[in-house]
């Protein structure tokens, strides 16, 4: 991943919008950081996202970024149901796979 949060070819696996767990965690952490104006360092993948002070408007915008990147539909409440970057990344990879299978059926 570049310093701007853009995915590098090494982060992607498969087709458009897919990536490895590590690549997704890195991208999610960078993306969360864009919504936290006074962040003193990188987003910790194991820290509760609520501790960063994300409000509902930021979560909705963040969700839209995730949907655009992964080409999936995501309910904003997933951020609170999977409250760390690490947990959210695992959920999103599973959810993306599920949605792709459903679309192929």
N, C-alpha and C. Protein backbone atom coordinates (compact mmCIF):
# COMPACT_ATOMS: atom_id res chain seq x y z
N UNK A 1 0.85 -1.16 0.00
CA UNK A 1 0.00 0.00 0.00
C UNK A 1 0.89 1.22 0.00
N UNK A 2 0.47 2.22 -0.74
CA UNK A 2 1.25 3.46 -0.77
C UNK A 2 0.96 4.29 0.47
N UNK A 3 1.72 5.36 0.65
CA UNK A 3 1.52 6.22 1.82
C UNK A 3 0.16 6.91 1.78
N UNK A 4 -0.46 7.00 0.61
CA UNK A 4 -1.76 7.66 0.49
C UNK A 4 -2.91 6.72 0.74
N UNK A 5 -2.62 5.45 1.04
CA UNK A 5 -3.69 4.50 1.29
C UNK A 5 -4.14 3.77 0.04
N UNK A 6 -3.52 4.06 -1.10
CA UNK A 6 -3.88 3.37 -2.33
C UNK A 6 -3.31 1.96 -2.30
N UNK A 7 -4.03 1.04 -2.89
CA UNK A 7 -3.58 -0.35 -2.92
C UNK A 7 -2.50 -0.52 -3.98
N UNK A 8 -1.48 -1.27 -3.67
CA UNK A 8 -0.47 -1.69 -4.63
C UNK A 8 -0.89 -3.03 -5.20
N UNK A 9 -0.31 -3.41 -6.35
CA UNK A 9 -0.62 -4.71 -6.93
C UNK A 9 -0.34 -5.84 -5.97
N UNK A 10 0.66 -5.69 -5.11
CA UNK A 10 1.02 -6.76 -4.17
C UNK A 10 -0.04 -6.96 -3.10
N UNK A 11 -0.93 -5.98 -2.91
CA UNK A 11 -1.98 -6.09 -1.91
C UNK A 11 -3.21 -6.82 -2.43
N UNK A 12 -3.34 -6.93 -3.74
CA UNK A 12 -4.55 -7.51 -4.30
C UNK A 12 -4.36 -8.98 -4.61
N UNK A 13 -5.46 -9.70 -4.49
CA UNK A 13 -5.48 -11.13 -4.80
C UNK A 13 -6.75 -11.36 -5.59
N UNK A 14 -6.65 -11.98 -6.75
CA UNK A 14 -7.86 -12.26 -7.51
C UNK A 14 -8.24 -11.07 -8.38
N UNK A 15 -9.53 -10.78 -8.45
CA UNK A 15 -10.05 -9.75 -9.33
C UNK A 15 -10.16 -8.40 -8.66
N UNK A 16 -10.87 -7.48 -9.34
CA UNK A 16 -11.03 -6.14 -8.81
C UNK A 16 -11.69 -6.15 -7.44
N UNK A 17 -11.19 -5.35 -6.54
CA UNK A 17 -11.81 -5.22 -5.24
C UNK A 17 -11.44 -6.28 -4.24
N UNK A 18 -10.61 -7.24 -4.62
CA UNK A 18 -10.23 -8.28 -3.66
C UNK A 18 -8.80 -8.04 -3.20
N UNK A 19 -8.47 -8.55 -2.02
CA UNK A 19 -7.13 -8.38 -1.48
C UNK A 19 -6.91 -9.38 -0.36
N UNK A 20 -5.69 -9.47 0.08
CA UNK A 20 -5.36 -10.34 1.20
C UNK A 20 -5.86 -9.73 2.50
N UNK A 21 -5.91 -10.54 3.55
CA UNK A 21 -6.31 -10.04 4.87
C UNK A 21 -5.37 -8.93 5.32
N UNK A 22 -4.08 -9.13 5.19
CA UNK A 22 -3.10 -8.11 5.60
C UNK A 22 -3.27 -6.83 4.79
N UNK A 23 -3.48 -6.98 3.49
CA UNK A 23 -3.69 -5.81 2.64
C UNK A 23 -4.95 -5.06 3.02
N UNK A 24 -6.01 -5.80 3.32
CA UNK A 24 -7.26 -5.17 3.71
C UNK A 24 -7.11 -4.46 5.06
N UNK A 25 -6.45 -5.10 6.01
CA UNK A 25 -6.21 -4.45 7.31
C UNK A 25 -5.46 -3.14 7.13
N UNK A 26 -4.43 -3.15 6.31
CA UNK A 26 -3.64 -1.94 6.08
C UNK A 26 -4.49 -0.85 5.44
N UNK A 27 -5.28 -1.23 4.44
CA UNK A 27 -6.12 -0.26 3.77
C UNK A 27 -7.18 0.30 4.72
N UNK A 28 -7.82 -0.57 5.49
CA UNK A 28 -8.84 -0.12 6.45
C UNK A 28 -8.24 0.83 7.47
N UNK A 29 -7.07 0.51 7.99
CA UNK A 29 -6.42 1.37 8.98
C UNK A 29 -6.13 2.75 8.38
N UNK A 30 -5.63 2.78 7.16
CA UNK A 30 -5.36 4.06 6.50
C UNK A 30 -6.65 4.82 6.25
N UNK A 31 -7.68 4.11 5.86
CA UNK A 31 -8.97 4.74 5.59
C UNK A 31 -9.58 5.33 6.87
N UNK A 32 -9.54 4.57 7.96
CA UNK A 32 -10.03 5.09 9.24
C UNK A 32 -9.26 6.35 9.61
N UNK A 33 -7.96 6.32 9.40
CA UNK A 33 -7.13 7.47 9.73
C UNK A 33 -7.55 8.75 9.01
N UNK A 34 -8.13 8.60 7.82
CA UNK A 34 -8.60 9.77 7.08
C UNK A 34 -9.77 10.46 7.77
N UNK A 35 -10.49 9.72 8.60
CA UNK A 35 -11.67 10.27 9.28
C UNK A 35 -11.38 10.70 10.72
N UNK A 36 -10.13 10.59 11.14
CA UNK A 36 -9.75 10.99 12.50
C UNK A 36 -8.76 12.15 12.37
N UNK A 37 -9.25 13.39 12.50
CA UNK A 37 -8.40 14.55 12.22
C UNK A 37 -7.19 14.72 13.14
N UNK A 38 -7.29 14.32 14.38
CA UNK A 38 -6.19 14.54 15.33
C UNK A 38 -5.44 13.27 15.67
N UNK A 39 -5.32 12.37 14.73
CA UNK A 39 -4.65 11.10 14.95
C UNK A 39 -3.16 11.33 15.15
N UNK A 40 -2.61 10.78 16.25
CA UNK A 40 -1.20 10.99 16.57
C UNK A 40 -0.27 9.96 15.95
N UNK A 41 -0.80 8.89 15.41
CA UNK A 41 0.01 7.84 14.81
C UNK A 41 -0.87 6.95 13.98
N UNK A 42 -0.34 5.82 13.54
CA UNK A 42 -1.15 4.92 12.73
C UNK A 42 -2.28 4.29 13.54
N UNK A 43 -3.34 3.91 12.86
CA UNK A 43 -4.46 3.22 13.50
C UNK A 43 -4.01 1.81 13.86
N UNK A 44 -4.21 1.43 15.11
CA UNK A 44 -3.87 0.10 15.62
C UNK A 44 -4.98 -0.87 15.21
N UNK A 45 -4.66 -1.94 14.46
CA UNK A 45 -5.69 -2.86 14.00
C UNK A 45 -6.44 -3.57 15.13
N UNK A 46 -5.88 -3.56 16.34
CA UNK A 46 -6.52 -4.24 17.46
C UNK A 46 -7.20 -3.29 18.44
N UNK A 47 -7.18 -2.00 18.17
CA UNK A 47 -7.83 -1.03 19.05
C UNK A 47 -9.28 -0.83 18.60
N UNK A 48 -10.17 -0.68 19.56
CA UNK A 48 -11.58 -0.44 19.27
C UNK A 48 -11.72 0.84 18.44
N UNK A 49 -12.45 0.75 17.34
CA UNK A 49 -12.62 1.91 16.47
C UNK A 49 -13.32 3.06 17.19
N UNK A 50 -14.22 2.74 18.11
CA UNK A 50 -14.91 3.78 18.87
C UNK A 50 -13.96 4.65 19.67
N UNK A 51 -12.81 4.10 20.04
CA UNK A 51 -11.83 4.87 20.82
C UNK A 51 -11.18 5.98 19.99
N UNK A 52 -11.32 5.89 18.67
CA UNK A 52 -10.77 6.94 17.81
C UNK A 52 -11.72 8.12 17.65
N UNK A 53 -12.93 7.99 18.18
CA UNK A 53 -13.88 9.09 18.14
C UNK A 53 -14.66 9.21 16.84
N UNK A 54 -14.78 8.12 16.10
CA UNK A 54 -15.57 8.18 14.87
C UNK A 54 -17.03 8.45 15.20
N UNK A 55 -17.63 9.41 14.52
CA UNK A 55 -19.05 9.66 14.72
C UNK A 55 -19.84 8.95 13.62
N UNK A 56 -21.16 9.03 13.72
CA UNK A 56 -22.00 8.29 12.77
C UNK A 56 -21.82 8.78 11.34
N UNK A 57 -21.58 10.06 11.16
CA UNK A 57 -21.36 10.59 9.80
C UNK A 57 -20.08 10.02 9.21
N UNK A 58 -19.02 9.96 10.01
CA UNK A 58 -17.75 9.39 9.54
C UNK A 58 -17.91 7.91 9.24
N UNK A 59 -18.67 7.19 10.06
CA UNK A 59 -18.87 5.75 9.84
C UNK A 59 -19.61 5.51 8.53
N UNK A 60 -20.62 6.32 8.24
CA UNK A 60 -21.36 6.17 6.98
C UNK A 60 -20.44 6.44 5.79
N UNK A 61 -19.62 7.48 5.86
CA UNK A 61 -18.68 7.78 4.78
C UNK A 61 -17.63 6.68 4.64
N UNK A 62 -17.12 6.19 5.76
CA UNK A 62 -16.16 5.09 5.76
C UNK A 62 -16.77 3.86 5.12
N UNK A 63 -18.03 3.56 5.46
CA UNK A 63 -18.73 2.41 4.89
C UNK A 63 -18.82 2.55 3.37
N UNK A 64 -19.10 3.73 2.88
CA UNK A 64 -19.17 3.96 1.43
C UNK A 64 -17.81 3.70 0.78
N UNK A 65 -16.73 4.12 1.44
CA UNK A 65 -15.38 3.84 0.92
C UNK A 65 -15.14 2.34 0.82
N UNK A 66 -15.53 1.61 1.86
CA UNK A 66 -15.35 0.15 1.88
C UNK A 66 -16.16 -0.49 0.76
N UNK A 67 -17.40 -0.07 0.62
CA UNK A 67 -18.25 -0.63 -0.44
C UNK A 67 -17.64 -0.40 -1.82
N UNK A 68 -17.12 0.80 -2.05
CA UNK A 68 -16.50 1.11 -3.34
C UNK A 68 -15.25 0.28 -3.58
N UNK A 69 -14.45 0.08 -2.55
CA UNK A 69 -13.19 -0.66 -2.71
C UNK A 69 -13.42 -2.15 -2.89
N UNK A 70 -14.34 -2.72 -2.10
CA UNK A 70 -14.54 -4.17 -2.12
C UNK A 70 -15.67 -4.61 -3.04
N UNK A 71 -16.40 -3.65 -3.58
CA UNK A 71 -17.52 -3.95 -4.48
C UNK A 71 -18.56 -4.82 -3.79
N UNK A 72 -18.90 -4.43 -2.55
CA UNK A 72 -19.92 -5.14 -1.78
C UNK A 72 -20.88 -4.13 -1.18
N UNK A 73 -21.97 -4.66 -0.62
CA UNK A 73 -22.87 -3.83 0.17
C UNK A 73 -22.55 -4.09 1.63
N UNK A 74 -22.50 -3.01 2.41
CA UNK A 74 -22.13 -3.13 3.82
C UNK A 74 -23.03 -2.24 4.66
N UNK A 75 -23.59 -2.79 5.70
CA UNK A 75 -24.38 -2.00 6.64
C UNK A 75 -23.41 -1.27 7.57
N UNK A 76 -23.59 0.02 7.78
CA UNK A 76 -22.68 0.76 8.67
C UNK A 76 -22.58 0.16 10.08
N UNK A 77 -23.61 -0.56 10.53
CA UNK A 77 -23.54 -1.15 11.87
C UNK A 77 -22.46 -2.23 11.97
N UNK A 78 -21.98 -2.72 10.83
CA UNK A 78 -20.90 -3.72 10.86
C UNK A 78 -19.65 -3.16 11.54
N UNK A 79 -19.46 -1.85 11.46
CA UNK A 79 -18.30 -1.22 12.11
C UNK A 79 -18.39 -1.40 13.62
N UNK A 80 -19.60 -1.36 14.16
CA UNK A 80 -19.76 -1.52 15.61
C UNK A 80 -19.85 -3.00 15.99
N UNK A 81 -20.35 -3.83 15.07
CA UNK A 81 -20.42 -5.27 15.33
C UNK A 81 -19.05 -5.93 15.28
N UNK A 82 -18.13 -5.35 14.52
CA UNK A 82 -16.75 -5.85 14.37
C UNK A 82 -15.85 -4.65 14.67
N UNK A 83 -15.66 -4.34 15.96
CA UNK A 83 -15.17 -3.03 16.38
C UNK A 83 -13.67 -2.74 16.25
N UNK A 84 -12.90 -3.64 15.69
CA UNK A 84 -11.49 -3.32 15.43
C UNK A 84 -11.22 -3.50 13.94
N UNK A 85 -10.16 -2.91 13.45
CA UNK A 85 -9.79 -3.08 12.05
C UNK A 85 -9.56 -4.56 11.75
N UNK A 86 -8.89 -5.26 12.66
CA UNK A 86 -8.60 -6.69 12.44
C UNK A 86 -9.89 -7.50 12.33
N UNK A 87 -10.84 -7.26 13.24
CA UNK A 87 -12.11 -7.99 13.20
C UNK A 87 -12.92 -7.62 11.97
N UNK A 88 -12.93 -6.34 11.64
CA UNK A 88 -13.69 -5.87 10.49
C UNK A 88 -13.12 -6.44 9.20
N UNK A 89 -11.81 -6.51 9.08
CA UNK A 89 -11.18 -7.06 7.88
C UNK A 89 -11.58 -8.52 7.68
N UNK A 90 -11.55 -9.31 8.73
CA UNK A 90 -11.95 -10.72 8.62
C UNK A 90 -13.41 -10.83 8.19
N UNK A 91 -14.27 -10.04 8.82
CA UNK A 91 -15.69 -10.05 8.47
C UNK A 91 -15.89 -9.66 7.00
N UNK A 92 -15.21 -8.60 6.56
CA UNK A 92 -15.41 -8.10 5.21
C UNK A 92 -14.96 -9.09 4.15
N UNK A 93 -13.86 -9.78 4.39
CA UNK A 93 -13.43 -10.79 3.41
C UNK A 93 -14.46 -11.91 3.31
N UNK A 94 -14.98 -12.35 4.45
CA UNK A 94 -16.01 -13.39 4.46
C UNK A 94 -17.28 -12.89 3.79
N UNK A 95 -17.67 -11.68 4.11
CA UNK A 95 -18.90 -11.10 3.54
C UNK A 95 -18.77 -10.90 2.04
N UNK A 96 -17.62 -10.48 1.58
CA UNK A 96 -17.40 -10.29 0.14
C UNK A 96 -17.54 -11.62 -0.58
N UNK A 97 -16.94 -12.66 -0.01
CA UNK A 97 -17.05 -13.99 -0.60
C UNK A 97 -18.51 -14.44 -0.66
N UNK A 98 -19.25 -14.22 0.43
CA UNK A 98 -20.66 -14.61 0.49
C UNK A 98 -21.47 -13.87 -0.57
N UNK A 99 -21.24 -12.58 -0.70
CA UNK A 99 -21.99 -11.79 -1.67
C UNK A 99 -21.64 -12.19 -3.10
N UNK A 100 -20.39 -12.53 -3.35
CA UNK A 100 -19.99 -12.98 -4.69
C UNK A 100 -20.66 -14.31 -5.03
N UNK A 101 -20.69 -15.23 -4.05
CA UNK A 101 -21.35 -16.53 -4.30
C UNK A 101 -22.83 -16.33 -4.58
N UNK A 102 -23.47 -15.45 -3.81
CA UNK A 102 -24.90 -15.19 -3.99
C UNK A 102 -25.17 -14.58 -5.37
N UNK A 103 -24.30 -13.70 -5.81
CA UNK A 103 -24.48 -13.06 -7.12
C UNK A 103 -24.28 -14.06 -8.26
N UNK A 104 -23.43 -15.05 -8.03
CA UNK A 104 -23.15 -16.05 -9.06
C UNK A 104 -24.25 -17.10 -9.17
N UNK A 105 -25.09 -17.19 -8.16
CA UNK A 105 -26.16 -18.21 -8.14
C UNK A 105 -27.30 -17.83 -9.04
